[in-house]
């Protein structure tokens, strides 16, 4: 709430984004919104909630420290496969599609020899 004898700064200014009069309307609407009391601090209802929502014992350590997530954001079942295994899987998928052109079949053969 504004203090008596003190004009609060407007929450919205026209700038380049609001049409003429919209900033004034928004500020008037904001004056109608009452400030509620401060919310009560969270209180866990049991040991499980206290454990789950408590602060960390290591605030300076990233949450993923020590997690075996492998390189990059991929968390699929193929996340930890080697490059050679990836090539094998890709070539097998290409073969399963069937109806490949002569060039694709030649590429698959050449890639298999290169592994």
Protein backbone atom coordinates (compact mmCIF):
# COMPACT_ATOMS: atom_id res chain seq x y z
CA UNK A 1 0.00 0.00 0.00
CA UNK A 2 1.27 3.50 -0.71
CA UNK A 3 2.23 5.64 2.22
CA UNK A 4 0.16 8.71 3.06
CA UNK A 5 1.50 11.88 1.42
CA UNK A 6 3.74 9.92 -0.99
CA UNK A 7 2.93 9.22 -4.62
CA UNK A 8 4.03 5.72 -5.70
CA UNK A 9 5.94 5.27 -8.94
CA UNK A 10 3.80 3.77 -11.71
CA UNK A 11 4.26 0.05 -12.23
CA UNK A 12 3.80 0.38 -16.00
CA UNK A 13 5.10 3.02 -18.37
CA UNK A 14 3.90 3.47 -21.93
CA UNK A 15 7.26 3.06 -23.68
CA UNK A 16 7.10 1.52 -27.14
CA UNK A 17 5.02 -1.54 -26.33
CA UNK A 18 1.75 -0.23 -24.86
CA UNK A 19 -0.91 1.65 -26.78
CA UNK A 20 -1.91 5.12 -25.66
CA UNK A 21 -3.83 4.88 -22.38
CA UNK A 22 -3.05 1.22 -21.66
CA UNK A 23 -0.30 2.00 -19.15
CA UNK A 24 -2.68 4.26 -17.21
CA UNK A 25 -5.38 1.56 -17.22
CA UNK A 26 -2.90 -1.09 -16.04
CA UNK A 27 -1.68 1.14 -13.22
CA UNK A 28 -5.26 1.83 -12.12
CA UNK A 29 -6.00 -1.90 -12.08
CA UNK A 30 -2.87 -2.57 -10.04
CA UNK A 31 -4.16 -0.11 -7.44
CA UNK A 32 -7.25 -2.30 -6.98
CA UNK A 33 -5.20 -5.38 -6.14
CA UNK A 34 -4.74 -5.62 -2.40
CA UNK A 35 -1.43 -6.77 -1.05
CA UNK A 36 -2.01 -9.94 0.90
CA UNK A 37 -0.29 -10.95 4.08
CA UNK A 38 3.07 -12.64 3.83
CA UNK A 39 2.51 -16.34 3.23
CA UNK A 40 3.25 -18.65 6.09
CA UNK A 41 6.61 -20.36 5.79
CA UNK A 42 6.41 -23.98 4.68
CA UNK A 43 6.35 -26.50 7.50
CA UNK A 44 6.89 -30.17 6.57
CA UNK A 45 4.22 -32.56 7.80
CA UNK A 46 6.49 -35.54 8.42
CA UNK A 47 9.98 -36.98 8.24
CA UNK A 48 9.62 -37.80 4.54
CA UNK A 49 8.69 -34.24 3.59
CA UNK A 50 11.39 -32.84 5.83
CA UNK A 51 13.96 -35.03 4.05
CA UNK A 52 12.65 -34.27 0.54
CA UNK A 53 12.31 -30.51 0.89
CA UNK A 54 15.21 -29.72 3.20
CA UNK A 55 18.23 -27.69 2.11
CA UNK A 56 21.17 -29.44 0.56
CA UNK A 57 24.24 -30.44 2.55
CA UNK A 58 26.49 -29.30 -0.33
CA UNK A 59 25.22 -25.94 -1.62
CA UNK A 60 28.38 -25.24 -3.66
CA UNK A 61 28.24 -28.51 -5.59
CA UNK A 62 26.18 -28.92 -8.79
CA UNK A 63 23.17 -31.19 -8.43
CA UNK A 64 24.51 -33.50 -11.17
CA UNK A 65 27.94 -33.95 -9.56
CA UNK A 66 28.90 -37.62 -9.66
CA UNK A 67 25.91 -38.68 -11.76
CA UNK A 68 26.86 -40.98 -14.67
CA UNK A 69 24.92 -39.09 -17.33
CA UNK A 70 27.64 -39.34 -19.99
CA UNK A 71 28.50 -36.69 -22.54
CA UNK A 72 25.71 -34.35 -23.54
CA UNK A 73 22.07 -34.13 -22.51
CA UNK A 74 20.97 -37.50 -23.95
CA UNK A 75 19.54 -39.69 -21.21
CA UNK A 76 18.23 -42.41 -23.50
CA UNK A 77 19.29 -46.03 -23.37
CA UNK A 78 21.92 -45.25 -26.02
CA UNK A 79 23.58 -42.45 -24.05
CA UNK A 80 26.71 -44.40 -23.11
CA UNK A 81 27.33 -46.33 -26.34
CA UNK A 82 30.68 -46.02 -28.09
CA UNK A 83 31.02 -44.35 -31.51
CA UNK A 84 31.59 -47.79 -33.11
CA UNK A 85 28.41 -49.16 -31.48
CA UNK A 86 26.50 -46.10 -32.68
CA UNK A 87 27.67 -46.68 -36.27
CA UNK A 88 26.70 -50.36 -36.06
CA UNK A 89 23.24 -49.48 -34.75
CA UNK A 90 22.75 -46.84 -37.43
CA UNK A 91 23.80 -49.21 -40.22
CA UNK A 92 21.48 -51.92 -38.87
CA UNK A 93 18.58 -49.48 -38.88
CA UNK A 94 19.40 -48.47 -42.45
CA UNK A 95 19.40 -52.14 -43.51
CA UNK A 96 16.07 -52.81 -41.79
CA UNK A 97 14.33 -50.11 -43.79
CA UNK A 98 14.65 -52.15 -46.99
CA UNK A 99 14.13 -50.88 -50.54
CA UNK A 100 17.43 -49.03 -50.51
CA UNK A 101 18.96 -47.72 -53.67
CA UNK A 102 22.17 -49.19 -55.01
CA UNK A 103 24.11 -46.21 -53.62
CA UNK A 104 22.76 -46.71 -50.10
CA UNK A 105 23.60 -50.42 -50.14
CA UNK A 106 27.12 -49.56 -51.36
CA UNK A 107 27.47 -47.01 -48.55
CA UNK A 108 26.40 -49.59 -45.95
CA UNK A 109 28.92 -52.12 -47.30
CA UNK A 110 31.71 -49.53 -47.34
CA UNK A 111 30.87 -48.35 -43.82
CA UNK A 112 30.85 -51.92 -42.48
CA UNK A 113 34.32 -52.54 -43.93
CA UNK A 114 35.55 -49.27 -42.41
CA UNK A 115 34.52 -50.28 -38.89
